[in-house]
Amino acid sequence: MDTVLNVLRRSTLTRHTAGALAAIAALYFLTTAVGPYRDLQIAQVAYLTCAAAGLTVLTGLGGQISLGHGAFMAVGAYTAALVIGHWGWPLAAVLAAAAGVTALAGVLVGAVAARLHGPYLAGATLAFAVGLPGLANYAPLTDLLGGQNGLTLVPPIPPESLGATFPLERWQAWIACLGAVITLFLLANLTRGRFGRTLRASRDDEIAAALAGVRVARLRIAATVVSAACAGLGGGLLAVVATLAAPGAFPLTLSLQLIAAIIIGGLGSLSGAVWGSLILVYVPTWASDLSSSSGLSHNVASNLPLAVYGLVLIVVTLAFPRGLHGGLRDIGGAVRRRVLTRRDRAPGSRGSATTSTSGPTTTHPGGADEAIADQGARPDDRGDAGGRGERLRR
């Protein structure tokens, strides 16, 4: 057992592989235990996790603000719809094409935005998020992209080996969850290597990174490409799950929600992307169920989900400034330290046993016996000059 733990501690690839396999097993049992509606919610969390994880690399690790990831998801969704509709490729090839085409779009956007910072970069990506979905309504592209109604997809048919009555929603959830696990696995290994270290260095101090030999502009383009590919995969999974790619599915609010997800979950943490995606999906649903069962008027009930959602975001931000992932790690560390402290203070513990080392006892005039440890002469006890010399040597 100790050998396995040592291997997991030392090998990042082995640790991430074990985590991915454990996540796949957990998601398998979870999807088989819930109904079709919950399966669709799990699929929604999965494709949002892909986009949020890519945004974490760009914004959390690279320090580049992007408000255009909703548009990257639109590129991936329309690519998947066009490839399925015109060529009928296998699903794995369709999703790979969605990620690849979106990565090419990321090259263009990254090349333009590589020299921009702060509000200028946010403005450029905001224009990209607002303008790109509107191309579907552009007259020369209406026949190709379907206009306002978008493009419909044939839902993925479950394999015959799963049975004729296998739920389609569960199969869609499996596809989306597998894509999310693969995305997190690849990004976790990528950010733990040289790419992640140089990206953090350029975020912390761009000038120092450039003096150290890092090509900051090229690095930012690479980060944009990686982030865009993840968002494109998320968009392709969205199209597969919803069987539709339409402009209305990629509004500006989607990009803002992805930003909110990585901030609430924990900026710079891939686990935080998962937490943020869970909040994006389940908090509005829970608020809607609460408003529908509260018996309030129509006007109040229609606005209650938005109010509850905003309240949850405010509370989480104030309670956990480093995000949910950072807050949970802090709580876990505090609990662990308290447990260790109580164990050390407990009578008969190892700490108390080591402090009660007995030596020769001497009887004081008061009659009490006291253990005196056999201690050697300290260096500072050898005179003032000897003590100063020993402290200098230390």
Protein backbone atom coordinates (compact mmCIF):
# COMPACT_ATOMS: atom_id res chain seq x y z
CA MET A 1 0.00 0.00 0.00
CA ASP A 2 2.82 2.38 0.86
CA THR A 3 4.47 1.60 -2.47
CA VAL A 4 1.29 2.51 -4.36
CA LEU A 5 0.97 5.79 -2.43
CA ASN A 6 4.60 6.66 -3.13
CA VAL A 7 4.11 6.01 -6.85
CA LEU A 8 1.00 8.23 -6.89
CA ARG A 9 2.86 11.01 -5.10
CA ARG A 10 5.88 10.93 -7.38
CA SER A 11 4.29 10.32 -10.78
CA THR A 12 1.93 13.05 -11.96
CA LEU A 13 0.80 11.01 -14.96
CA THR A 14 -0.02 7.97 -12.80
CA ARG A 15 -1.91 10.11 -10.30
CA HIS A 16 -3.95 11.82 -13.00
CA THR A 17 -4.67 8.49 -14.71
CA ALA A 18 -5.93 7.01 -11.47
CA GLY A 19 -8.09 10.08 -10.88
CA ALA A 20 -9.55 9.88 -14.40
CA LEU A 21 -10.41 6.20 -14.02
CA ALA A 22 -12.01 6.87 -10.62
CA ALA A 23 -14.06 9.72 -12.12
CA ILE A 24 -15.24 7.52 -14.99
CA ALA A 25 -16.33 4.80 -12.57
CA ALA A 26 -18.14 7.30 -10.32
CA LEU A 27 -19.94 8.89 -13.28
CA TYR A 28 -20.96 5.48 -14.57
CA PHE A 29 -22.66 4.55 -11.30
CA LEU A 30 -24.17 8.03 -10.98
CA THR A 31 -25.74 8.05 -14.43
CA THR A 32 -27.16 4.57 -14.01
CA ALA A 33 -28.76 5.53 -10.68
CA VAL A 34 -30.69 8.61 -11.88
CA GLY A 35 -33.41 9.27 -14.42
CA PRO A 36 -33.29 10.78 -17.91
CA TYR A 37 -33.71 14.38 -16.72
CA ARG A 38 -30.79 14.10 -14.32
CA ASP A 39 -28.73 12.46 -17.05
CA LEU A 40 -29.26 15.50 -19.24
CA GLN A 41 -28.22 17.77 -16.36
CA ILE A 42 -25.05 15.73 -15.88
CA ALA A 43 -24.34 16.05 -19.61
CA GLN A 44 -24.85 19.80 -19.35
CA VAL A 45 -22.38 20.00 -16.47
CA ALA A 46 -19.90 17.98 -18.52
CA TYR A 47 -19.85 20.17 -21.63
CA LEU A 48 -19.77 23.35 -19.53
CA THR A 49 -16.82 21.86 -17.64
CA CYS A 50 -14.91 21.48 -20.92
CA ALA A 51 -15.36 25.17 -21.76
CA ALA A 52 -14.72 26.36 -18.19
CA ALA A 53 -11.55 24.26 -17.90
CA GLY A 54 -10.18 25.81 -21.09
CA LEU A 55 -11.04 29.28 -19.80
CA THR A 56 -9.26 28.42 -16.55
CA VAL A 57 -6.04 27.83 -18.46
CA LEU A 58 -6.33 31.12 -20.34
CA THR A 59 -7.62 33.39 -17.57
CA GLY A 60 -6.68 31.65 -14.34
CA LEU A 61 -3.17 30.56 -15.31
CA GLY A 62 -2.39 32.97 -18.13
CA GLY A 63 -4.04 36.09 -16.74
CA GLN A 64 -5.80 36.84 -20.05
CA ILE A 65 -9.41 37.99 -19.70
CA SER A 66 -11.65 36.43 -22.33
CA LEU A 67 -15.33 37.20 -22.82
CA GLY A 68 -15.57 35.27 -26.08
CA HIS A 69 -15.74 31.64 -25.06
CA GLY A 70 -19.42 31.47 -25.86
CA ALA A 71 -18.47 32.24 -29.46
CA PHE A 72 -15.83 29.49 -29.42
CA MET A 73 -18.51 27.08 -28.26
CA ALA A 74 -20.68 28.24 -31.17
CA VAL A 75 -17.87 27.46 -33.62
CA GLY A 76 -17.56 23.95 -32.21
CA ALA A 77 -21.31 23.35 -32.24
CA TYR A 78 -21.80 24.50 -35.84
CA THR A 79 -18.76 22.51 -36.96
CA ALA A 80 -20.21 19.36 -35.41
CA ALA A 81 -23.61 20.02 -36.99
CA LEU A 82 -22.13 20.63 -40.45
CA VAL A 83 -19.85 17.60 -40.34
CA ILE A 84 -22.66 15.29 -39.21
CA GLY A 85 -25.14 16.74 -41.69
CA HIS A 86 -22.89 16.72 -44.77
CA TRP A 87 -20.45 13.85 -44.27
CA GLY A 88 -21.87 11.68 -41.50
CA TRP A 89 -18.55 11.11 -39.76
CA PRO A 90 -18.26 8.95 -36.61
CA LEU A 91 -18.93 10.78 -33.39
CA ALA A 92 -15.32 10.76 -32.20
CA ALA A 93 -14.16 12.28 -35.50
CA VAL A 94 -16.94 14.87 -35.31
CA LEU A 95 -15.86 16.02 -31.85
CA ALA A 96 -12.20 16.06 -32.91
CA ALA A 97 -13.13 18.21 -35.92
CA ALA A 98 -15.08 20.58 -33.67
CA ALA A 99 -12.07 21.02 -31.40
CA GLY A 100 -9.66 21.37 -34.35
CA VAL A 101 -11.66 23.99 -36.25
CA THR A 102 -12.17 25.99 -33.06
CA ALA A 103 -8.43 25.77 -32.36
CA LEU A 104 -7.82 27.39 -35.78
CA ALA A 105 -10.23 30.16 -34.80
CA GLY A 106 -8.25 30.47 -31.58
CA VAL A 107 -5.07 31.04 -33.61
CA LEU A 108 -6.69 34.00 -35.35
CA VAL A 109 -8.13 35.49 -32.17
CA GLY A 110 -4.93 34.84 -30.23
CA ALA A 111 -2.77 36.50 -32.87
CA VAL A 112 -4.92 39.62 -32.73
CA ALA A 113 -5.19 39.70 -28.94
CA ALA A 114 -1.62 38.67 -28.06
CA ARG A 115 -0.51 42.27 -27.53
CA LEU A 116 -3.66 43.42 -25.75
CA HIS A 117 -4.13 43.62 -22.00
CA GLY A 118 -6.88 44.25 -19.51
CA PRO A 119 -9.94 46.10 -20.79
CA TYR A 120 -8.63 46.20 -24.35
CA LEU A 121 -8.45 42.41 -24.48
CA ALA A 122 -11.84 42.11 -22.79
CA GLY A 123 -13.33 44.49 -25.35
CA ALA A 124 -11.87 42.58 -28.29
CA THR A 125 -13.15 39.23 -27.05
CA LEU A 126 -16.50 40.82 -26.20
CA ALA A 127 -16.89 41.97 -29.79
CA PHE A 128 -16.04 38.45 -30.92
CA ALA A 129 -18.71 36.97 -28.62
CA VAL A 130 -21.36 39.42 -29.79
CA GLY A 131 -20.62 39.35 -33.51
CA LEU A 132 -19.85 35.74 -34.33
CA PRO A 133 -23.22 34.10 -33.49
CA GLY A 134 -24.90 36.76 -35.63
CA LEU A 135 -23.21 35.36 -38.74
CA ALA A 136 -25.91 32.70 -38.81
CA ASN A 137 -28.38 35.42 -39.83
CA TYR A 138 -26.10 36.84 -42.51
CA ALA A 139 -27.91 36.45 -45.86
CA PRO A 140 -25.14 34.64 -47.83
CA LEU A 141 -24.69 32.15 -44.95
CA THR A 142 -28.33 31.56 -44.08
CA ASP A 143 -28.65 28.44 -46.23
CA LEU A 144 -25.45 27.00 -44.81
CA LEU A 145 -25.97 27.83 -41.12
CA GLY A 146 -29.74 27.65 -40.93
CA GLY A 147 -30.44 31.24 -39.94
CA GLN A 148 -32.16 31.95 -36.65
CA ASN A 149 -33.52 28.40 -36.38
CA GLY A 150 -30.06 26.87 -36.61
CA LEU A 151 -29.11 23.34 -37.62
CA THR A 152 -30.60 20.17 -36.24
CA LEU A 153 -28.57 17.03 -35.62
CA VAL A 154 -29.48 13.39 -35.64
CA PRO A 155 -29.12 12.19 -32.03
CA PRO A 156 -26.36 9.63 -31.43
CA ILE A 157 -27.81 6.13 -31.41
CA PRO A 158 -26.65 3.93 -28.52
CA PRO A 159 -24.82 0.75 -29.56
CA GLU A 160 -26.93 -2.36 -29.96
CA SER A 161 -24.85 -4.14 -27.34
CA LEU A 162 -26.40 -1.87 -24.69
CA GLY A 163 -29.89 -3.10 -25.53
CA ALA A 164 -32.84 -1.78 -27.47
CA THR A 165 -34.29 0.00 -24.42
CA PHE A 166 -31.10 1.77 -23.38
CA PRO A 167 -31.97 5.45 -22.63
CA LEU A 168 -30.70 7.97 -25.15
CA GLU A 169 -30.17 10.55 -22.39
CA ARG A 170 -27.80 8.23 -20.54
CA TRP A 171 -25.81 7.60 -23.70
CA GLN A 172 -25.53 11.35 -24.27
CA ALA A 173 -24.42 11.80 -20.67
CA TRP A 174 -21.74 9.13 -21.11
CA ILE A 175 -20.42 10.85 -24.23
CA ALA A 176 -20.30 14.27 -22.57
CA CYS A 177 -18.75 12.94 -19.36
CA LEU A 178 -16.06 11.06 -21.27
CA GLY A 179 -15.21 14.23 -23.18
CA ALA A 180 -15.00 16.21 -19.93
CA VAL A 181 -12.76 13.63 -18.23
CA ILE A 182 -10.41 13.50 -21.22
CA THR A 183 -10.26 17.30 -21.32
CA LEU A 184 -9.45 17.57 -17.61
CA PHE A 185 -6.87 14.78 -17.86
CA LEU A 186 -5.02 16.43 -20.75
CA LEU A 187 -5.14 19.91 -19.21
CA ALA A 188 -3.98 18.63 -15.82
CA ASN A 189 -0.88 17.06 -17.37
CA LEU A 190 -0.29 20.08 -19.61
CA THR A 191 -0.45 22.64 -16.82
CA ARG A 192 1.82 20.58 -14.58
CA GLY A 193 4.59 20.68 -17.14
CA ARG A 194 6.74 23.34 -18.75
CA PHE A 195 3.78 24.96 -20.49
CA GLY A 196 2.01 25.59 -17.20
CA ARG A 197 5.12 26.92 -15.48
CA THR A 198 5.92 29.41 -18.24
CA LEU A 199 2.28 30.46 -18.40
CA ARG A 200 2.25 31.23 -14.68
CA ALA A 201 5.55 33.07 -15.00
CA SER A 202 4.21 35.30 -17.77
CA ARG A 203 1.08 35.97 -15.71
CA ASP A 204 3.03 36.96 -12.60
CA ASP A 205 5.63 39.14 -14.31
CA GLU A 206 5.63 39.53 -18.07
CA ILE A 207 8.90 41.49 -18.21
CA ALA A 208 10.78 38.99 -16.04
CA ALA A 209 9.46 36.10 -18.12
CA ALA A 210 10.57 37.82 -21.33
CA LEU A 211 14.04 38.44 -19.88
CA ALA A 212 14.22 34.76 -18.93
CA GLY A 213 13.71 33.81 -22.58
CA VAL A 214 9.96 33.19 -22.64
CA ARG A 215 8.26 34.35 -25.84
CA VAL A 216 5.24 35.84 -24.17
CA ALA A 217 3.23 36.62 -27.31
CA ARG A 218 3.69 33.12 -28.72
CA LEU A 219 2.84 31.62 -25.34
CA ARG A 220 -0.40 33.59 -25.14
CA ILE A 221 -1.38 32.48 -28.62
CA ALA A 222 -0.75 28.87 -27.60
CA ALA A 223 -2.87 29.34 -24.45
CA THR A 224 -5.68 30.82 -26.55
CA VAL A 225 -5.51 27.87 -28.95
CA VAL A 226 -5.69 25.33 -26.12
CA SER A 227 -8.53 27.21 -24.45
CA ALA A 228 -10.45 27.58 -27.71
CA ALA A 229 -10.09 23.87 -28.50
CA CYS A 230 -11.60 22.97 -25.13
CA ALA A 231 -14.46 25.40 -25.69
CA GLY A 232 -14.99 23.97 -29.19
CA LEU A 233 -15.20 20.46 -27.76
CA GLY A 234 -17.73 21.74 -25.23
CA GLY A 235 -19.75 23.31 -28.04
CA GLY A 236 -19.67 20.09 -30.05
CA LEU A 237 -20.88 18.14 -27.02
CA LEU A 238 -23.63 20.73 -26.51
CA ALA A 239 -24.80 20.19 -30.09
CA VAL A 240 -24.76 16.41 -29.62
CA VAL A 241 -26.71 16.59 -26.36
CA ALA A 242 -29.23 19.24 -27.48
CA THR A 243 -29.31 17.94 -31.11
CA LEU A 244 -29.34 21.59 -32.19
CA ALA A 245 -26.87 24.34 -33.05
CA ALA A 246 -28.63 27.72 -33.10
CA PRO A 247 -27.53 31.31 -32.37
CA GLY A 248 -29.88 31.51 -29.40
CA ALA A 249 -27.87 28.84 -27.58
CA PHE A 250 -24.74 31.05 -27.48
CA PRO A 251 -25.71 34.49 -26.16
CA LEU A 252 -23.33 36.88 -24.46
CA THR A 253 -24.62 35.69 -21.10
CA LEU A 254 -23.05 32.28 -21.77
CA SER A 255 -19.57 33.84 -21.89
CA LEU A 256 -20.29 35.80 -18.72
CA GLN A 257 -21.54 32.65 -16.99
CA LEU A 258 -18.32 30.84 -17.86
CA ILE A 259 -16.32 33.70 -16.34
CA ALA A 260 -18.49 33.53 -13.22
CA ALA A 261 -18.03 29.75 -13.06
CA ILE A 262 -14.23 29.85 -12.93
CA ILE A 263 -14.23 32.70 -10.40
CA ILE A 264 -16.72 31.00 -8.08
CA GLY A 265 -15.15 27.60 -8.43
CA GLY A 266 -11.60 28.85 -7.97
CA LEU A 267 -9.57 30.86 -10.44
CA GLY A 268 -6.66 28.85 -11.80
CA SER A 269 -7.95 25.47 -10.58
CA LEU A 270 -9.33 22.77 -12.87
CA SER A 271 -11.35 21.41 -9.97
CA GLY A 272 -12.81 24.88 -9.61
CA ALA A 273 -14.09 24.63 -13.18
CA VAL A 274 -16.08 21.56 -12.16
CA TRP A 275 -17.49 23.28 -9.08
CA GLY A 276 -18.44 26.35 -11.09
CA SER A 277 -20.19 24.25 -13.75
CA LEU A 278 -22.18 22.46 -11.07
CA ILE A 279 -23.35 25.81 -9.71
CA LEU A 280 -24.28 27.06 -13.19
CA VAL A 281 -26.51 24.05 -13.81
CA TYR A 282 -28.03 23.15 -10.45
CA VAL A 283 -28.53 26.47 -8.67
CA PRO A 284 -30.93 27.92 -11.31
CA THR A 285 -32.80 24.60 -11.43
CA TRP A 286 -33.12 24.50 -7.67
CA ALA A 287 -34.26 28.14 -7.61
CA SER A 288 -36.87 27.44 -10.29
CA ASP A 289 -38.22 24.47 -8.33
CA LEU A 290 -38.33 26.63 -5.21
CA SER A 291 -40.24 29.42 -6.95
CA SER A 292 -42.74 27.03 -8.53
CA SER A 293 -43.51 25.32 -5.22
CA SER A 294 -43.64 28.47 -3.09
CA GLY A 295 -47.11 29.57 -4.22
CA LEU A 296 -45.97 33.12 -4.96
CA SER A 297 -47.42 35.39 -7.59
CA HIS A 298 -46.33 35.00 -11.20
CA ASN A 299 -44.20 38.16 -11.25
CA VAL A 300 -42.34 37.22 -8.06
CA ALA A 301 -41.94 33.57 -9.02
CA SER A 302 -40.53 34.45 -12.44
CA ASN A 303 -37.84 36.70 -10.91
CA LEU A 304 -37.04 34.54 -7.88
CA PRO A 305 -34.60 32.16 -9.68
CA LEU A 306 -32.47 35.07 -10.86
CA ALA A 307 -32.48 36.62 -7.38
CA VAL A 308 -31.54 33.33 -5.70
CA TYR A 309 -28.82 32.71 -8.25
CA GLY A 310 -27.32 36.16 -7.66
CA LEU A 311 -27.54 35.72 -3.89
CA VAL A 312 -25.70 32.41 -4.06
CA LEU A 313 -22.96 33.97 -6.18
CA ILE A 314 -22.53 36.85 -3.72
CA VAL A 315 -22.46 34.58 -0.66
CA VAL A 316 -19.95 32.18 -2.22
CA THR A 317 -17.71 35.06 -3.34
CA LEU A 318 -17.74 36.67 0.11
CA ALA A 319 -17.37 33.43 2.07
CA PHE A 320 -14.65 31.95 -0.16
CA PRO A 321 -12.51 34.68 -1.76
CA ARG A 322 -10.34 32.00 -3.41
CA GLY A 323 -13.36 30.16 -4.77
CA LEU A 324 -15.14 27.04 -3.65
CA HIS A 325 -12.15 24.81 -4.31
CA GLY A 326 -9.81 27.05 -2.33
CA GLY A 327 -12.34 27.41 0.48
CA LEU A 328 -12.86 23.66 0.77
CA ARG A 329 -9.10 23.12 0.82
CA ASP A 330 -8.75 25.69 3.61
CA ILE A 331 -11.52 24.03 5.62
CA GLY A 332 -9.98 20.60 5.10
CA GLY A 333 -6.55 21.88 6.16
CA ALA A 334 -7.98 23.50 9.30
CA VAL A 335 -9.82 20.30 10.26
CA ARG A 336 -6.70 18.23 9.66
CA ARG A 337 -4.56 20.51 11.80
CA ARG A 338 -7.12 20.44 14.62
CA VAL A 339 -7.27 16.66 14.55
CA LEU A 340 -3.48 16.40 14.66
CA THR A 341 -3.30 18.91 17.50
CA ARG A 342 -5.84 16.99 19.57
CA ARG A 343 -4.06 13.73 18.90
CA ASP A 344 -0.74 15.17 20.02
CA ARG A 345 -2.31 16.59 23.18
CA ALA A 346 -4.06 13.36 24.10
CA PRO A 347 -2.55 11.50 27.11
CA GLY A 348 -0.36 8.60 26.12
CA SER A 349 0.22 9.98 22.61
CA ARG A 350 3.59 9.81 20.95
CA GLY A 351 4.24 13.49 21.42
CA SER A 352 3.61 13.38 25.16
CA ALA A 353 5.64 10.19 25.44
CA THR A 354 8.68 11.76 23.86
CA THR A 355 8.52 14.84 26.05
CA SER A 356 8.48 12.76 29.25
CA THR A 357 11.95 11.20 28.78
CA SER A 358 13.26 10.30 32.17
CA GLY A 359 16.75 10.67 33.42
CA PRO A 360 18.28 10.41 36.86
CA THR A 361 15.91 11.78 39.48
CA THR A 362 16.84 14.09 42.27
CA THR A 363 14.93 14.85 45.41
CA HIS A 364 14.37 18.52 46.15
CA PRO A 365 14.11 19.84 49.61
CA GLY A 366 10.35 19.94 49.26
CA GLY A 367 10.32 16.17 48.85
CA ALA A 368 9.08 16.04 45.19
CA ASP A 369 10.87 13.88 42.70
CA GLU A 370 11.68 15.55 39.32
CA ALA A 371 13.09 13.95 36.23
CA ILE A 372 16.17 15.70 34.93
CA ALA A 373 17.08 15.04 31.34
CA ASP A 374 20.71 14.37 30.58
CA GLN A 375 21.49 17.41 28.49
CA GLY A 376 24.92 18.38 27.27
CA ALA A 377 26.34 21.82 27.71
CA ARG A 378 24.94 24.27 25.20
CA PRO A 379 27.37 26.37 23.19
CA ASP A 380 26.03 29.60 24.67
CA ASP A 381 26.90 28.36 28.17
CA ARG A 382 30.64 28.48 27.39
CA GLY A 383 31.09 32.10 28.04
CA ASP A 384 29.98 35.21 26.22
CA ALA A 385 32.61 35.10 23.49
CA GLY A 386 32.07 31.39 22.80
CA GLY A 387 28.34 31.95 22.59
CA ARG A 388 28.68 34.77 20.11
CA GLY A 389 31.05 32.70 17.98
CA GLU A 390 28.67 29.78 17.94
CA ARG A 391 25.75 32.01 16.94
CA LEU A 392 27.82 33.47 14.08
CA ARG A 393 28.68 29.98 12.87
CA ARG A 394 24.98 29.13 12.92
